N, C-alpha and C. Protein backbone atom coordinates (compact mmCIF):
# COMPACT_ATOMS: atom_id res chain seq x y z
N ALA A 1 0.98 -0.60 0.30
CA ALA A 1 0.16 0.70 0.06
C ALA A 1 1.10 1.29 0.04
N GLU A 2 2.05 0.58 0.31
CA GLU A 2 3.17 2.07 0.41
C GLU A 2 3.60 2.80 -0.58
N ARG A 3 3.67 1.54 -2.23
CA ARG A 3 4.46 1.52 -2.64
C ARG A 3 3.91 3.29 -3.66
N SER A 4 4.26 3.53 -4.36
CA SER A 4 3.99 4.24 -5.54
C SER A 4 3.93 3.55 -7.74
N TYR A 5 2.71 3.69 -7.95
CA TYR A 5 2.49 3.65 -9.20
C TYR A 5 3.21 4.62 -10.15
N GLU A 6 3.18 4.61 -11.15
CA GLU A 6 3.38 5.85 -12.02
C GLU A 6 3.21 5.06 -13.67
N ALA A 7 1.89 5.76 -14.50
CA ALA A 7 1.50 6.16 -15.69
C ALA A 7 1.55 7.55 -16.31
N ALA A 8 2.39 7.36 -17.77
CA ALA A 8 2.38 8.49 -18.41
C ALA A 8 1.28 8.84 -19.63
N SER A 9 0.62 9.66 -20.07
CA SER A 9 0.27 9.69 -21.89
C SER A 9 0.31 11.02 -21.70
N GLY A 10 -0.05 11.06 -23.54
CA GLY A 10 -0.02 12.29 -24.36
C GLY A 10 1.76 12.20 -24.54
N GLY A 11 2.52 10.48 -24.58
CA GLY A 11 3.74 10.98 -24.73
C GLY A 11 4.58 11.40 -23.33
N GLY A 12 4.14 11.27 -22.26
CA GLY A 12 4.15 12.08 -21.12
C GLY A 12 3.65 13.35 -20.53
N MET A 13 2.81 14.04 -21.40
CA MET A 13 2.72 15.53 -20.84
C MET A 13 1.67 15.38 -20.12
N VAL A 14 1.65 14.28 -19.71
CA VAL A 14 0.79 13.80 -18.15
C VAL A 14 1.19 12.56 -17.25
N LYS A 15 1.35 13.01 -15.73
CA LYS A 15 2.01 11.56 -14.91
C LYS A 15 0.84 11.58 -14.18
N ALA A 16 0.18 10.57 -13.28
CA ALA A 16 -0.51 9.96 -12.43
C ALA A 16 0.30 9.17 -11.71
N GLU A 17 -0.02 9.51 -9.91
CA GLU A 17 1.02 9.06 -9.22
C GLU A 17 0.00 8.15 -8.51
N VAL A 18 -0.37 6.69 -7.97
CA VAL A 18 -0.91 6.02 -7.15
C VAL A 18 -0.50 5.23 -6.31
N SER A 19 -0.81 5.55 -5.21
CA SER A 19 -0.12 4.21 -4.03
C SER A 19 -1.31 3.12 -4.67
N GLY A 20 -0.53 2.02 -3.29
CA GLY A 20 -1.23 0.79 -3.36
C GLY A 20 -2.34 0.40 -3.48
N LYS A 21 -3.38 0.91 -2.46
CA LYS A 21 -4.17 1.22 -2.48
C LYS A 21 -5.29 2.17 -3.67
N GLN A 22 -4.45 2.62 -4.58
CA GLN A 22 -5.56 2.95 -6.04
C GLN A 22 -5.96 4.67 -5.56
N GLU A 23 -5.04 5.52 -4.66
CA GLU A 23 -5.10 6.37 -4.55
C GLU A 23 -4.05 7.30 -5.12
N LEU A 24 -4.85 8.60 -5.49
CA LEU A 24 -4.70 9.45 -7.08
C LEU A 24 -3.10 9.88 -5.74
N ARG A 25 -2.23 10.13 -6.50
CA ARG A 25 -0.40 10.70 -5.59
C ARG A 25 -0.48 11.88 -5.75
N ARG A 26 -0.13 12.30 -7.47
CA ARG A 26 0.25 13.80 -7.67
C ARG A 26 0.20 12.91 -8.99
N LEU A 27 -1.32 14.31 -9.68
CA LEU A 27 -0.56 14.00 -11.17
C LEU A 27 -0.26 15.72 -11.33
N THR A 28 0.68 15.00 -12.52
CA THR A 28 1.80 16.52 -13.05
C THR A 28 1.25 16.71 -14.40
N ILE A 29 1.14 17.82 -14.89
CA ILE A 29 0.97 18.26 -16.45
C ILE A 29 1.61 18.99 -16.79
N ASP A 30 2.39 18.71 -17.61
CA ASP A 30 3.46 19.33 -18.60
C ASP A 30 2.68 20.73 -19.32
N PRO A 31 3.28 21.86 -18.80
CA PRO A 31 2.06 22.91 -19.33
C PRO A 31 2.32 23.07 -21.19
N LYS A 32 2.90 22.24 -22.03
CA LYS A 32 3.07 22.59 -23.73
C LYS A 32 0.99 21.69 -23.28
N ALA A 33 1.02 20.71 -22.45
CA ALA A 33 -0.45 20.09 -22.55
C ALA A 33 -1.36 21.37 -22.82
N LEU A 34 -1.35 22.13 -22.21
CA LEU A 34 -2.50 23.56 -22.33
C LEU A 34 -2.32 24.47 -23.77
N GLU A 35 -1.02 24.10 -24.44
CA GLU A 35 -0.75 25.23 -25.65
C GLU A 35 -2.30 24.71 -26.24
N GLY A 36 -2.84 23.98 -26.89
CA GLY A 36 -3.45 23.89 -27.70
C GLY A 36 -5.34 24.50 -27.08
N GLY A 37 -5.24 24.25 -25.95
CA GLY A 37 -6.41 25.05 -25.59
C GLY A 37 -7.71 23.75 -25.62
N ASP A 38 -7.30 22.94 -25.91
CA ASP A 38 -7.65 21.20 -26.27
C ASP A 38 -8.20 20.79 -24.43
N VAL A 39 -9.35 21.09 -24.31
CA VAL A 39 -9.94 20.46 -22.94
C VAL A 39 -10.16 19.04 -22.49
N GLU A 40 -11.15 18.70 -23.74
CA GLU A 40 -11.62 17.36 -23.74
C GLU A 40 -9.89 16.37 -24.33
N MET A 41 -9.74 16.67 -25.00
CA MET A 41 -7.72 15.80 -24.80
C MET A 41 -7.60 16.00 -23.24
N LEU A 42 -6.88 17.45 -23.04
CA LEU A 42 -6.25 17.06 -22.03
C LEU A 42 -6.88 16.08 -20.87
N GLN A 43 -8.83 15.88 -20.70
CA GLN A 43 -8.93 15.51 -19.89
C GLN A 43 -8.54 13.74 -20.73
N ASP A 44 -9.12 13.70 -21.64
CA ASP A 44 -8.81 12.18 -22.22
C ASP A 44 -7.73 11.81 -21.47
N LEU A 45 -6.28 12.38 -21.85
CA LEU A 45 -5.06 11.43 -20.85
C LEU A 45 -5.13 12.27 -19.82
N ILE A 46 -5.51 12.80 -18.72
CA ILE A 46 -5.85 12.64 -17.10
C ILE A 46 -6.32 11.59 -17.08
N LEU A 47 -7.49 10.83 -17.60
CA LEU A 47 -8.25 9.36 -17.62
C LEU A 47 -7.93 8.72 -17.64
N ALA A 48 -6.72 8.92 -18.82
CA ALA A 48 -5.96 7.44 -19.33
C ALA A 48 -4.72 7.98 -18.25
N ALA A 49 -3.89 8.18 -18.72
CA ALA A 49 -3.33 8.14 -17.27
C ALA A 49 -3.32 7.22 -15.76
N VAL A 50 -4.42 8.50 -15.23
CA VAL A 50 -5.57 7.66 -13.68
C VAL A 50 -5.40 6.35 -13.68
N ASN A 51 -6.26 5.92 -14.83
CA ASN A 51 -6.54 4.64 -16.04
C ASN A 51 -5.06 3.16 -15.54
N GLU A 52 -4.49 4.50 -16.36
CA GLU A 52 -2.87 3.52 -16.53
C GLU A 52 -2.49 2.24 -14.99
N ALA A 53 -2.35 4.42 -14.46
CA ALA A 53 -1.75 3.71 -13.18
C ALA A 53 -1.95 2.33 -12.06
N GLY A 54 -3.41 3.06 -12.51
CA GLY A 54 -4.69 2.15 -11.60
C GLY A 54 -4.56 1.00 -11.51
N ARG A 55 -4.68 0.79 -13.00
CA ARG A 55 -4.47 -1.15 -13.58
C ARG A 55 -2.77 -1.48 -12.81
N ILE A 56 -1.17 -1.07 -13.04
CA ILE A 56 -0.21 -0.75 -12.76
C ILE A 56 0.55 -1.58 -12.06
N ALA A 57 -0.89 -0.83 -11.12
CA ALA A 57 -0.46 -1.19 -9.05
C ALA A 57 -1.28 -2.20 -8.65
N ARG A 58 -2.76 -2.72 -9.70
CA ARG A 58 -3.64 -3.40 -9.61
C ARG A 58 -2.95 -4.63 -10.26
N GLU A 59 -2.15 -4.44 -10.64
CA GLU A 59 -1.34 -5.75 -11.84
C GLU A 59 -0.43 -6.58 -10.34
N THR A 60 0.17 -5.35 -10.39
CA THR A 60 1.99 -5.61 -9.72
C THR A 60 1.10 -6.25 -8.15
N MET A 61 -0.09 -5.83 -7.23
CA MET A 61 0.00 -6.63 -6.17
C MET A 61 -0.72 -8.08 -6.66
N GLU A 62 -1.90 -8.08 -7.39
CA GLU A 62 -2.46 -9.26 -7.70
C GLU A 62 -0.90 -10.26 -7.47
N ARG A 63 0.05 -9.61 -8.32
CA ARG A 63 0.91 -10.79 -9.02
C ARG A 63 1.42 -10.66 -7.81
N GLU A 64 1.77 -10.47 -7.13
CA GLU A 64 3.00 -10.56 -5.37
C GLU A 64 1.69 -11.53 -4.29
N MET A 65 0.62 -10.90 -4.70
CA MET A 65 -0.53 -11.86 -3.67
C MET A 65 -0.07 -13.16 -4.17
N ASN A 66 -0.30 -13.40 -5.80
CA ASN A 66 -0.32 -14.91 -5.64
C ASN A 66 1.42 -15.60 -5.42
N ASN A 67 2.42 -14.73 -5.37
CA ASN A 67 3.59 -15.24 -5.44
C ASN A 67 3.70 -16.05 -3.75
N ILE A 68 3.11 -15.43 -2.82
CA ILE A 68 2.40 -15.23 -1.71
C ILE A 68 2.04 -16.49 -0.93
N SER A 69 0.72 -16.37 -2.25
CA SER A 69 -0.61 -17.64 -1.58
C SER A 69 0.26 -18.09 -2.35
N GLY A 70 0.32 -18.31 -3.52
CA GLY A 70 1.26 -19.56 -4.21
C GLY A 70 0.67 -20.26 -5.47
N GLY A 71 -0.28 -19.58 -5.33
CA GLY A 71 -1.42 -19.14 -6.47
C GLY A 71 -2.61 -19.10 -5.58
N ILE A 72 -3.11 -19.86 -4.67
CA ILE A 72 -3.72 -19.80 -3.86
C ILE A 72 -5.12 -18.67 -4.16
N LYS A 73 -5.75 -18.99 -4.60
CA LYS A 73 -7.30 -17.37 -4.07
C LYS A 73 -7.68 -18.19 -2.82
N LEU A 74 -7.41 -16.54 -2.57
CA LEU A 74 -7.76 -16.39 -0.97
C LEU A 74 -9.53 -15.12 -1.34
N PRO A 75 -10.68 -16.02 -0.71
CA PRO A 75 -11.70 -15.02 -1.23
C PRO A 75 -11.63 -13.59 -0.84
N GLY A 76 -12.27 -12.64 -0.38
CA GLY A 76 -11.89 -10.92 -0.48
C GLY A 76 -11.16 -10.75 -0.86
N ILE A 77 -9.86 -10.95 -1.19
CA ILE A 77 -8.75 -10.27 -2.12
C ILE A 77 -8.55 -10.96 -3.64
N PHE A 78 -8.82 -9.42 -4.66
CA PHE A 78 -8.42 -9.67 -5.54
C PHE A 78 -9.43 -10.38 -6.39
């Protein structure tokens, strides 16, 4: 839960960092992303970065839990 997971979108113009609890910790937007004035594109880039960081966090936690449990599915955990 203390680890951080980061993902980017738009060639790195938007970066999102989430915790192992999938809570957004940091959102970084390159000022160049604002130059075009396309708000919808920026919103899409933000969503993509946040969702990808969450996916990375989930997959990493699932993989680590499988390693710990030997692949046994524990009820209520992932």
